[in-house]
N, C-alpha and C. Protein backbone atom coordinates (compact mmCIF):
# COMPACT_ATOMS: atom_id res chain seq x y z
N MET A 1 -58.73 9.65 -14.63
CA MET A 1 -58.06 10.31 -13.51
C MET A 1 -59.08 11.02 -12.62
N LYS A 2 -60.16 11.48 -13.23
CA LYS A 2 -61.17 12.21 -12.48
C LYS A 2 -61.79 11.33 -11.38
N ASP A 3 -62.07 10.06 -11.69
CA ASP A 3 -62.68 9.15 -10.72
C ASP A 3 -61.71 8.70 -9.63
N LEU A 4 -60.43 8.94 -9.84
CA LEU A 4 -59.42 8.49 -8.89
C LEU A 4 -59.63 9.11 -7.51
N PHE A 5 -60.06 10.35 -7.46
CA PHE A 5 -60.24 11.03 -6.17
C PHE A 5 -61.70 11.25 -5.82
N LYS A 6 -62.58 10.49 -6.43
CA LYS A 6 -64.02 10.58 -6.18
C LYS A 6 -64.35 10.00 -4.80
N VAL A 7 -65.13 10.74 -4.04
CA VAL A 7 -65.55 10.27 -2.72
C VAL A 7 -67.07 10.12 -2.74
N ASN A 8 -67.52 8.94 -2.38
CA ASN A 8 -68.96 8.68 -2.31
C ASN A 8 -69.25 7.88 -1.04
N THR A 9 -70.48 7.48 -0.87
CA THR A 9 -70.86 6.73 0.33
C THR A 9 -70.05 5.44 0.46
N ARG A 10 -69.82 4.77 -0.65
CA ARG A 10 -69.04 3.53 -0.65
C ARG A 10 -67.62 3.78 -0.13
N THR A 11 -67.03 4.89 -0.55
CA THR A 11 -65.68 5.24 -0.10
C THR A 11 -65.66 5.51 1.40
N ILE A 12 -66.67 6.21 1.90
CA ILE A 12 -66.73 6.55 3.32
C ILE A 12 -66.91 5.30 4.17
N VAL A 13 -67.79 4.41 3.75
CA VAL A 13 -68.01 3.16 4.50
C VAL A 13 -66.74 2.32 4.48
N ALA A 14 -66.10 2.21 3.32
CA ALA A 14 -64.86 1.44 3.21
C ALA A 14 -63.77 2.03 4.10
N THR A 15 -63.74 3.36 4.18
CA THR A 15 -62.73 4.03 5.02
C THR A 15 -62.94 3.67 6.49
N GLY A 16 -64.17 3.73 6.95
CA GLY A 16 -64.45 3.38 8.35
C GLY A 16 -64.10 1.94 8.67
N LEU A 17 -64.55 1.03 7.82
CA LEU A 17 -64.27 -0.39 8.03
C LEU A 17 -62.78 -0.66 7.92
N GLY A 18 -62.14 -0.11 6.89
CA GLY A 18 -60.72 -0.32 6.69
C GLY A 18 -59.87 0.22 7.83
N ALA A 19 -60.24 1.41 8.34
CA ALA A 19 -59.49 2.00 9.47
C ALA A 19 -59.61 1.14 10.72
N ALA A 20 -60.81 0.60 10.95
CA ALA A 20 -61.00 -0.27 12.13
C ALA A 20 -60.15 -1.54 12.01
N ILE A 21 -60.17 -2.17 10.83
CA ILE A 21 -59.37 -3.38 10.62
C ILE A 21 -57.89 -3.05 10.72
N PHE A 22 -57.47 -1.95 10.09
CA PHE A 22 -56.07 -1.53 10.13
C PHE A 22 -55.62 -1.34 11.58
N THR A 23 -56.43 -0.64 12.38
CA THR A 23 -56.10 -0.38 13.79
C THR A 23 -55.85 -1.69 14.54
N LEU A 24 -56.77 -2.62 14.40
CA LEU A 24 -56.64 -3.90 15.11
C LEU A 24 -55.43 -4.70 14.65
N LEU A 25 -55.23 -4.78 13.34
CA LEU A 25 -54.06 -5.50 12.83
C LEU A 25 -52.76 -4.81 13.25
N PHE A 26 -52.75 -3.49 13.19
CA PHE A 26 -51.55 -2.73 13.54
C PHE A 26 -51.17 -2.96 15.01
N MET A 27 -52.17 -3.13 15.85
CA MET A 27 -51.90 -3.32 17.27
C MET A 27 -51.55 -4.76 17.63
N TYR A 28 -52.23 -5.72 16.99
CA TYR A 28 -52.15 -7.10 17.47
C TYR A 28 -51.53 -8.12 16.52
N VAL A 29 -51.44 -7.82 15.23
CA VAL A 29 -50.93 -8.82 14.30
C VAL A 29 -49.68 -8.25 13.61
N LYS A 30 -48.58 -8.32 14.35
CA LYS A 30 -47.32 -7.78 13.86
C LYS A 30 -46.18 -8.63 14.38
N VAL A 31 -45.04 -8.55 13.69
CA VAL A 31 -43.86 -9.31 14.09
C VAL A 31 -42.74 -8.30 14.31
N PRO A 32 -42.18 -8.24 15.53
CA PRO A 32 -41.11 -7.27 15.81
C PRO A 32 -39.86 -7.56 14.97
N SER A 33 -39.11 -6.50 14.68
CA SER A 33 -37.85 -6.66 13.96
C SER A 33 -36.71 -6.32 14.93
N PRO A 34 -35.48 -6.62 14.54
CA PRO A 34 -34.34 -6.27 15.42
C PRO A 34 -34.07 -4.76 15.49
N ILE A 35 -34.65 -4.00 14.58
CA ILE A 35 -34.47 -2.54 14.58
C ILE A 35 -35.50 -1.94 15.54
N PRO A 36 -35.08 -1.07 16.46
CA PRO A 36 -36.02 -0.50 17.44
C PRO A 36 -37.22 0.18 16.80
N GLU A 37 -38.39 -0.02 17.40
CA GLU A 37 -39.64 0.64 16.99
C GLU A 37 -40.08 0.34 15.56
N THR A 38 -39.68 -0.82 15.04
CA THR A 38 -40.16 -1.23 13.72
C THR A 38 -40.65 -2.68 13.82
N SER A 39 -41.70 -2.97 13.08
CA SER A 39 -42.29 -4.31 13.07
C SER A 39 -42.78 -4.64 11.67
N PHE A 40 -42.89 -5.92 11.40
CA PHE A 40 -43.55 -6.37 10.18
C PHE A 40 -45.05 -6.21 10.45
N GLN A 41 -45.68 -5.31 9.73
CA GLN A 41 -47.08 -4.96 9.97
C GLN A 41 -47.99 -5.55 8.90
N THR A 42 -48.85 -6.47 9.31
CA THR A 42 -49.81 -7.06 8.37
C THR A 42 -50.85 -6.04 7.91
N ALA A 43 -51.02 -4.98 8.66
CA ALA A 43 -52.02 -3.96 8.34
C ALA A 43 -51.80 -3.34 6.96
N TYR A 44 -50.56 -3.28 6.50
CA TYR A 44 -50.30 -2.65 5.20
C TYR A 44 -50.78 -3.51 4.03
N GLY A 45 -50.90 -4.81 4.23
CA GLY A 45 -51.50 -5.65 3.21
C GLY A 45 -52.98 -5.34 3.04
N VAL A 46 -53.66 -5.11 4.15
CA VAL A 46 -55.08 -4.76 4.12
C VAL A 46 -55.26 -3.34 3.59
N SER A 47 -54.38 -2.44 3.98
CA SER A 47 -54.43 -1.07 3.46
C SER A 47 -54.28 -1.07 1.95
N ALA A 48 -53.38 -1.88 1.43
CA ALA A 48 -53.17 -1.96 -0.01
C ALA A 48 -54.41 -2.52 -0.72
N LEU A 49 -55.06 -3.50 -0.10
CA LEU A 49 -56.30 -4.06 -0.65
C LEU A 49 -57.37 -2.97 -0.76
N PHE A 50 -57.66 -2.30 0.35
CA PHE A 50 -58.69 -1.28 0.36
C PHE A 50 -58.36 -0.12 -0.58
N ALA A 51 -57.11 0.29 -0.62
CA ALA A 51 -56.71 1.40 -1.49
C ALA A 51 -56.89 1.03 -2.96
N THR A 52 -56.58 -0.21 -3.31
CA THR A 52 -56.74 -0.66 -4.69
C THR A 52 -58.22 -0.75 -5.07
N LEU A 53 -59.05 -1.13 -4.12
CA LEU A 53 -60.48 -1.28 -4.41
C LEU A 53 -61.24 0.04 -4.35
N PHE A 54 -60.82 0.98 -3.49
CA PHE A 54 -61.61 2.18 -3.24
C PHE A 54 -60.89 3.49 -3.56
N GLY A 55 -59.63 3.45 -3.93
CA GLY A 55 -58.93 4.63 -4.37
C GLY A 55 -58.01 5.27 -3.35
N PRO A 56 -57.27 6.29 -3.78
CA PRO A 56 -56.25 6.91 -2.94
C PRO A 56 -56.78 7.64 -1.71
N ILE A 57 -57.97 8.25 -1.79
CA ILE A 57 -58.50 8.95 -0.62
C ILE A 57 -58.80 7.94 0.48
N ALA A 58 -59.48 6.85 0.14
CA ALA A 58 -59.76 5.80 1.13
C ALA A 58 -58.46 5.22 1.66
N GLY A 59 -57.50 4.93 0.77
CA GLY A 59 -56.22 4.36 1.20
C GLY A 59 -55.49 5.26 2.17
N ALA A 60 -55.44 6.56 1.87
CA ALA A 60 -54.76 7.51 2.75
C ALA A 60 -55.45 7.60 4.10
N LEU A 61 -56.76 7.74 4.09
CA LEU A 61 -57.50 7.88 5.35
C LEU A 61 -57.45 6.62 6.20
N ILE A 62 -57.56 5.45 5.57
CA ILE A 62 -57.50 4.18 6.30
C ILE A 62 -56.17 4.06 7.03
N SER A 63 -55.07 4.29 6.31
CA SER A 63 -53.75 4.15 6.92
C SER A 63 -53.49 5.23 7.96
N PHE A 64 -53.87 6.47 7.66
CA PHE A 64 -53.65 7.59 8.58
C PHE A 64 -54.47 7.41 9.86
N ILE A 65 -55.77 7.18 9.72
CA ILE A 65 -56.64 7.04 10.90
C ILE A 65 -56.29 5.78 11.68
N GLY A 66 -56.09 4.68 10.98
CA GLY A 66 -55.75 3.42 11.66
C GLY A 66 -54.47 3.52 12.45
N HIS A 67 -53.44 4.12 11.86
CA HIS A 67 -52.15 4.27 12.56
C HIS A 67 -52.29 5.24 13.74
N ALA A 68 -52.98 6.36 13.51
CA ALA A 68 -53.16 7.34 14.60
C ALA A 68 -53.93 6.74 15.77
N LEU A 69 -55.00 6.02 15.49
CA LEU A 69 -55.78 5.38 16.57
C LEU A 69 -54.95 4.34 17.31
N SER A 70 -54.23 3.54 16.56
CA SER A 70 -53.39 2.51 17.17
C SER A 70 -52.35 3.13 18.11
N ASP A 71 -51.66 4.16 17.63
CA ASP A 71 -50.66 4.84 18.47
C ASP A 71 -51.31 5.46 19.70
N ALA A 72 -52.45 6.12 19.51
CA ALA A 72 -53.13 6.78 20.63
C ALA A 72 -53.57 5.77 21.68
N ILE A 73 -54.10 4.64 21.25
CA ILE A 73 -54.56 3.60 22.18
C ILE A 73 -53.39 2.95 22.90
N GLN A 74 -52.34 2.61 22.15
CA GLN A 74 -51.20 1.89 22.73
C GLN A 74 -50.26 2.77 23.53
N TYR A 75 -49.99 3.98 23.03
CA TYR A 75 -48.94 4.82 23.62
C TYR A 75 -49.44 6.13 24.21
N GLY A 76 -50.72 6.42 24.02
CA GLY A 76 -51.28 7.66 24.56
C GLY A 76 -51.21 8.85 23.63
N SER A 77 -50.40 8.74 22.59
CA SER A 77 -50.25 9.84 21.64
C SER A 77 -49.69 9.29 20.32
N PRO A 78 -50.19 9.77 19.19
CA PRO A 78 -49.65 9.32 17.90
C PRO A 78 -48.23 9.85 17.66
N TRP A 79 -47.44 9.07 16.98
CA TRP A 79 -46.12 9.51 16.52
C TRP A 79 -46.35 10.05 15.12
N TRP A 80 -46.60 11.36 15.02
CA TRP A 80 -47.14 11.98 13.82
C TRP A 80 -46.33 11.78 12.56
N SER A 81 -45.03 11.73 12.66
CA SER A 81 -44.22 11.55 11.46
C SER A 81 -44.54 10.23 10.77
N TRP A 82 -44.73 9.17 11.56
CA TRP A 82 -45.02 7.87 10.98
C TRP A 82 -46.50 7.73 10.62
N VAL A 83 -47.36 8.42 11.34
CA VAL A 83 -48.78 8.43 11.00
C VAL A 83 -48.97 9.08 9.63
N ILE A 84 -48.30 10.21 9.42
CA ILE A 84 -48.37 10.89 8.13
C ILE A 84 -47.79 10.01 7.03
N ALA A 85 -46.67 9.35 7.31
CA ALA A 85 -46.07 8.45 6.32
C ALA A 85 -47.02 7.30 5.98
N SER A 86 -47.74 6.80 6.96
CA SER A 86 -48.74 5.76 6.69
C SER A 86 -49.80 6.28 5.73
N GLY A 87 -50.27 7.49 5.98
CA GLY A 87 -51.24 8.10 5.08
C GLY A 87 -50.71 8.25 3.67
N VAL A 88 -49.46 8.65 3.55
CA VAL A 88 -48.82 8.79 2.23
C VAL A 88 -48.75 7.43 1.53
N SER A 89 -48.37 6.39 2.27
CA SER A 89 -48.29 5.06 1.64
C SER A 89 -49.67 4.63 1.14
N GLY A 90 -50.71 4.81 1.97
CA GLY A 90 -52.06 4.45 1.54
C GLY A 90 -52.53 5.25 0.34
N LEU A 91 -52.18 6.53 0.32
CA LEU A 91 -52.53 7.38 -0.81
C LEU A 91 -51.91 6.83 -2.10
N ILE A 92 -50.63 6.51 -2.04
CA ILE A 92 -49.94 6.01 -3.22
C ILE A 92 -50.44 4.62 -3.61
N PHE A 93 -50.73 3.75 -2.64
CA PHE A 93 -51.31 2.44 -2.96
C PHE A 93 -52.57 2.62 -3.80
N GLY A 94 -53.32 3.67 -3.51
CA GLY A 94 -54.58 3.93 -4.19
C GLY A 94 -54.44 4.24 -5.67
N PHE A 95 -53.23 4.52 -6.13
CA PHE A 95 -53.04 4.75 -7.55
C PHE A 95 -53.17 3.45 -8.36
N ALA A 96 -53.27 2.31 -7.68
CA ALA A 96 -53.55 1.04 -8.35
C ALA A 96 -55.04 0.94 -8.71
N PHE A 97 -55.87 1.79 -8.07
CA PHE A 97 -57.29 1.86 -8.38
C PHE A 97 -57.45 2.27 -9.84
N ASN A 98 -58.28 1.61 -10.57
CA ASN A 98 -58.51 1.85 -12.01
C ASN A 98 -57.33 1.45 -12.88
N ARG A 99 -56.25 0.94 -12.32
CA ARG A 99 -55.12 0.48 -13.13
C ARG A 99 -55.06 -1.04 -13.16
N THR A 100 -55.95 -1.67 -12.42
CA THR A 100 -56.03 -3.13 -12.44
C THR A 100 -57.46 -3.52 -12.81
N LYS A 101 -57.64 -4.77 -13.14
CA LYS A 101 -58.97 -5.27 -13.52
C LYS A 101 -59.59 -6.10 -12.40
N VAL A 102 -59.21 -5.83 -11.16
CA VAL A 102 -59.67 -6.63 -10.04
C VAL A 102 -61.20 -6.62 -9.91
N GLU A 103 -61.83 -5.49 -10.16
CA GLU A 103 -63.29 -5.41 -10.07
C GLU A 103 -63.97 -6.18 -11.20
N GLU A 104 -63.23 -6.46 -12.26
CA GLU A 104 -63.77 -7.21 -13.38
C GLU A 104 -63.47 -8.70 -13.25
N GLY A 105 -62.94 -9.11 -12.09
CA GLY A 105 -62.66 -10.51 -11.85
C GLY A 105 -61.32 -10.98 -12.40
N GLU A 106 -60.47 -10.04 -12.74
CA GLU A 106 -59.14 -10.37 -13.28
C GLU A 106 -58.07 -9.75 -12.39
N PHE A 107 -57.17 -10.56 -11.89
CA PHE A 107 -56.01 -10.04 -11.17
C PHE A 107 -54.89 -11.04 -11.34
N LYS A 108 -54.23 -10.94 -12.49
CA LYS A 108 -53.15 -11.86 -12.84
C LYS A 108 -51.99 -11.05 -13.39
N GLY A 109 -50.94 -11.72 -13.77
CA GLY A 109 -49.75 -11.17 -14.40
C GLY A 109 -49.54 -9.67 -14.36
N LYS A 110 -50.03 -8.98 -15.39
CA LYS A 110 -49.80 -7.54 -15.54
C LYS A 110 -50.41 -6.76 -14.37
N ASP A 111 -51.61 -7.14 -13.91
CA ASP A 111 -52.25 -6.45 -12.79
C ASP A 111 -51.45 -6.62 -11.50
N ILE A 112 -50.97 -7.82 -11.27
CA ILE A 112 -50.16 -8.08 -10.07
C ILE A 112 -48.88 -7.26 -10.13
N LEU A 113 -48.25 -7.23 -11.30
CA LEU A 113 -47.02 -6.44 -11.46
C LEU A 113 -47.30 -4.96 -11.25
N THR A 114 -48.36 -4.44 -11.86
CA THR A 114 -48.73 -3.02 -11.72
C THR A 114 -48.96 -2.68 -10.25
N PHE A 115 -49.76 -3.49 -9.58
CA PHE A 115 -50.05 -3.28 -8.16
C PHE A 115 -48.77 -3.25 -7.34
N ASN A 116 -47.89 -4.23 -7.57
CA ASN A 116 -46.68 -4.33 -6.75
C ASN A 116 -45.66 -3.23 -7.05
N VAL A 117 -45.58 -2.78 -8.27
CA VAL A 117 -44.70 -1.64 -8.58
C VAL A 117 -45.20 -0.41 -7.83
N ILE A 118 -46.52 -0.19 -7.87
CA ILE A 118 -47.10 0.98 -7.19
C ILE A 118 -46.89 0.89 -5.68
N GLN A 119 -47.14 -0.28 -5.08
CA GLN A 119 -47.00 -0.38 -3.62
C GLN A 119 -45.55 -0.29 -3.18
N VAL A 120 -44.62 -0.78 -3.96
CA VAL A 120 -43.19 -0.65 -3.61
C VAL A 120 -42.78 0.82 -3.67
N ILE A 121 -43.22 1.54 -4.70
CA ILE A 121 -42.94 2.97 -4.80
C ILE A 121 -43.55 3.71 -3.61
N GLY A 122 -44.80 3.37 -3.28
CA GLY A 122 -45.47 4.00 -2.13
C GLY A 122 -44.73 3.76 -0.83
N ASN A 123 -44.30 2.54 -0.61
CA ASN A 123 -43.57 2.22 0.62
C ASN A 123 -42.21 2.93 0.65
N ALA A 124 -41.54 2.97 -0.47
CA ALA A 124 -40.23 3.64 -0.52
C ALA A 124 -40.37 5.13 -0.21
N ILE A 125 -41.33 5.79 -0.84
CA ILE A 125 -41.52 7.23 -0.59
C ILE A 125 -41.93 7.48 0.86
N ALA A 126 -42.88 6.70 1.34
CA ALA A 126 -43.39 6.91 2.70
C ALA A 126 -42.33 6.67 3.78
N TRP A 127 -41.60 5.56 3.65
CA TRP A 127 -40.73 5.14 4.75
C TRP A 127 -39.26 5.52 4.59
N ILE A 128 -38.80 5.75 3.37
CA ILE A 128 -37.39 6.12 3.19
C ILE A 128 -37.25 7.64 3.07
N VAL A 129 -38.33 8.33 2.70
CA VAL A 129 -38.27 9.78 2.54
C VAL A 129 -39.11 10.50 3.61
N VAL A 130 -40.43 10.28 3.59
CA VAL A 130 -41.35 11.06 4.44
C VAL A 130 -41.11 10.82 5.93
N ALA A 131 -41.15 9.58 6.39
CA ALA A 131 -41.02 9.29 7.82
C ALA A 131 -39.70 9.79 8.41
N PRO A 132 -38.55 9.45 7.79
CA PRO A 132 -37.30 9.94 8.38
C PRO A 132 -37.17 11.46 8.39
N LEU A 133 -37.56 12.11 7.28
CA LEU A 133 -37.45 13.57 7.24
C LEU A 133 -38.35 14.22 8.29
N LEU A 134 -39.57 13.71 8.44
CA LEU A 134 -40.46 14.27 9.46
C LEU A 134 -39.97 13.95 10.87
N ASP A 135 -39.35 12.77 11.08
CA ASP A 135 -38.76 12.46 12.39
C ASP A 135 -37.67 13.48 12.74
N ILE A 136 -36.86 13.83 11.76
CA ILE A 136 -35.79 14.80 11.99
C ILE A 136 -36.38 16.19 12.24
N LEU A 137 -37.34 16.60 11.41
CA LEU A 137 -37.94 17.94 11.52
C LEU A 137 -38.80 18.11 12.78
N ILE A 138 -39.64 17.13 13.07
CA ILE A 138 -40.58 17.26 14.18
C ILE A 138 -39.96 16.89 15.52
N TYR A 139 -39.23 15.77 15.54
CA TYR A 139 -38.77 15.22 16.82
C TYR A 139 -37.26 15.33 17.04
N GLN A 140 -36.54 15.91 16.08
CA GLN A 140 -35.08 16.05 16.15
C GLN A 140 -34.39 14.70 16.44
N GLU A 141 -34.88 13.67 15.81
CA GLU A 141 -34.29 12.33 15.96
C GLU A 141 -32.99 12.26 15.16
N PRO A 142 -32.05 11.40 15.56
CA PRO A 142 -30.79 11.27 14.81
C PRO A 142 -31.02 10.65 13.44
N ALA A 143 -30.42 11.24 12.43
CA ALA A 143 -30.63 10.80 11.04
C ALA A 143 -30.27 9.33 10.83
N SER A 144 -29.16 8.89 11.41
CA SER A 144 -28.74 7.50 11.18
C SER A 144 -29.80 6.51 11.67
N LEU A 145 -30.41 6.80 12.81
CA LEU A 145 -31.44 5.91 13.36
C LEU A 145 -32.69 5.93 12.49
N VAL A 146 -33.20 7.11 12.16
CA VAL A 146 -34.48 7.19 11.46
C VAL A 146 -34.39 6.66 10.02
N PHE A 147 -33.25 6.83 9.37
CA PHE A 147 -33.13 6.28 8.02
C PHE A 147 -32.99 4.76 8.06
N THR A 148 -32.32 4.23 9.10
CA THR A 148 -32.26 2.77 9.27
C THR A 148 -33.66 2.22 9.53
N GLN A 149 -34.41 2.88 10.42
CA GLN A 149 -35.79 2.46 10.68
C GLN A 149 -36.63 2.57 9.42
N GLY A 150 -36.47 3.64 8.67
CA GLY A 150 -37.25 3.85 7.46
C GLY A 150 -37.00 2.80 6.39
N VAL A 151 -35.75 2.47 6.16
CA VAL A 151 -35.42 1.44 5.17
C VAL A 151 -35.98 0.09 5.61
N THR A 152 -35.84 -0.21 6.89
CA THR A 152 -36.37 -1.46 7.42
C THR A 152 -37.89 -1.51 7.27
N ALA A 153 -38.56 -0.43 7.63
CA ALA A 153 -40.02 -0.37 7.50
C ALA A 153 -40.44 -0.47 6.03
N ALA A 154 -39.72 0.19 5.14
CA ALA A 154 -40.06 0.12 3.71
C ALA A 154 -40.00 -1.31 3.20
N ILE A 155 -38.95 -2.02 3.56
CA ILE A 155 -38.79 -3.41 3.11
C ILE A 155 -39.90 -4.29 3.69
N MET A 156 -40.11 -4.20 5.00
CA MET A 156 -41.11 -5.06 5.64
C MET A 156 -42.53 -4.72 5.17
N ASN A 157 -42.85 -3.45 5.02
CA ASN A 157 -44.19 -3.06 4.58
C ASN A 157 -44.42 -3.39 3.11
N ALA A 158 -43.36 -3.33 2.30
CA ALA A 158 -43.49 -3.74 0.89
C ALA A 158 -43.73 -5.24 0.80
N ILE A 159 -43.11 -6.01 1.66
CA ILE A 159 -43.36 -7.46 1.70
C ILE A 159 -44.79 -7.72 2.15
N SER A 160 -45.22 -7.02 3.20
CA SER A 160 -46.59 -7.18 3.69
C SER A 160 -47.61 -6.85 2.61
N ALA A 161 -47.48 -5.68 2.01
CA ALA A 161 -48.41 -5.27 0.97
C ALA A 161 -48.29 -6.18 -0.26
N GLY A 162 -47.07 -6.58 -0.58
CA GLY A 162 -46.85 -7.43 -1.74
C GLY A 162 -47.44 -8.82 -1.59
N VAL A 163 -47.20 -9.44 -0.46
CA VAL A 163 -47.69 -10.81 -0.26
C VAL A 163 -49.16 -10.81 0.17
N ILE A 164 -49.45 -10.15 1.28
CA ILE A 164 -50.82 -10.17 1.81
C ILE A 164 -51.77 -9.43 0.87
N GLY A 165 -51.37 -8.25 0.42
CA GLY A 165 -52.22 -7.48 -0.50
C GLY A 165 -52.50 -8.23 -1.78
N THR A 166 -51.47 -8.83 -2.38
CA THR A 166 -51.65 -9.58 -3.62
C THR A 166 -52.59 -10.77 -3.41
N LEU A 167 -52.37 -11.52 -2.33
CA LEU A 167 -53.23 -12.68 -2.06
C LEU A 167 -54.69 -12.26 -1.84
N LEU A 168 -54.89 -11.18 -1.10
CA LEU A 168 -56.26 -10.70 -0.86
C LEU A 168 -56.91 -10.22 -2.16
N LEU A 169 -56.15 -9.54 -3.00
CA LEU A 169 -56.69 -9.07 -4.28
C LEU A 169 -56.99 -10.22 -5.23
N VAL A 170 -56.15 -11.24 -5.25
CA VAL A 170 -56.42 -12.42 -6.07
C VAL A 170 -57.70 -13.10 -5.58
N ALA A 171 -57.84 -13.23 -4.26
CA ALA A 171 -59.04 -13.85 -3.70
C ALA A 171 -60.28 -13.00 -3.99
N TYR A 172 -60.16 -11.70 -3.85
CA TYR A 172 -61.29 -10.81 -4.13
C TYR A 172 -61.70 -10.90 -5.60
N ALA A 173 -60.72 -10.86 -6.50
CA ALA A 173 -61.01 -10.94 -7.94
C ALA A 173 -61.74 -12.23 -8.28
N ALA A 174 -61.40 -13.31 -7.59
CA ALA A 174 -62.06 -14.60 -7.83
C ALA A 174 -63.54 -14.57 -7.46
N THR A 175 -63.95 -13.64 -6.61
CA THR A 175 -65.36 -13.55 -6.22
C THR A 175 -66.17 -12.70 -7.19
N ARG A 176 -65.50 -11.98 -8.08
CA ARG A 176 -66.18 -11.07 -9.01
C ARG A 176 -66.56 -11.81 -10.28
N THR A 177 -67.67 -11.41 -10.86
CA THR A 177 -68.09 -11.98 -12.14
C THR A 177 -67.21 -11.41 -13.24
N LYS A 178 -66.60 -12.29 -14.00
CA LYS A 178 -65.72 -11.84 -15.08
C LYS A 178 -66.54 -11.22 -16.20
N LYS A 179 -66.02 -10.16 -16.77
CA LYS A 179 -66.70 -9.46 -17.86
C LYS A 179 -66.88 -10.43 -19.04
N GLY A 180 -68.10 -10.51 -19.53
CA GLY A 180 -68.40 -11.35 -20.67
C GLY A 180 -68.62 -12.81 -20.32
N SER A 181 -68.63 -13.15 -19.02
CA SER A 181 -68.78 -14.57 -18.63
C SER A 181 -70.25 -15.00 -18.61
N LEU A 182 -71.15 -14.04 -18.60
CA LEU A 182 -72.57 -14.37 -18.61
C LEU A 182 -73.09 -14.28 -20.03
N SER A 183 -73.85 -15.26 -20.42
CA SER A 183 -74.40 -15.22 -21.77
C SER A 183 -75.93 -15.30 -21.72
N LYS A 184 -76.55 -14.72 -22.70
CA LYS A 184 -78.01 -14.70 -22.77
C LYS A 184 -78.47 -15.93 -23.53
N LYS A 185 -79.43 -16.66 -22.97
CA LYS A 185 -79.92 -17.87 -23.64
C LYS A 185 -81.22 -17.60 -24.32
């Protein structure tokens, strides 16, 4: 648990790169939904990848900074309730760090299940609880609208993180040397 929140140079570099990729994907690689101001965001699949590889601090910062930059560039100002919810989702995705064997070249069955349970919980907390409550508190938005948006975002972001994140983690694990695969001759 101690290493879960460890910040080092690797974490900082990953955060910068991840936030830049998140920003671009959040702005340009999305599919609108019929619910106002919600889209299927591919960025959450990448956020889940980085959070699993680098931990909850990197995951939170990547999602928070990437979402804030995207909103600021596109709309002139971040929508803070959803920016904070993005950070919360990335933070929770990071709890898959050290709970999977992806760095050891293994990402199958149990690891995929563990990752997806964590990311679904993260998306549910971020989008069904945090975003709507902050929308009501900060912006006095109508509850029926923000909870509909939140449930829609939770479902779409869980699919994004589940499909894209899982595929990226499987691909990444395939590039790692499996523990015990090298032998001395």
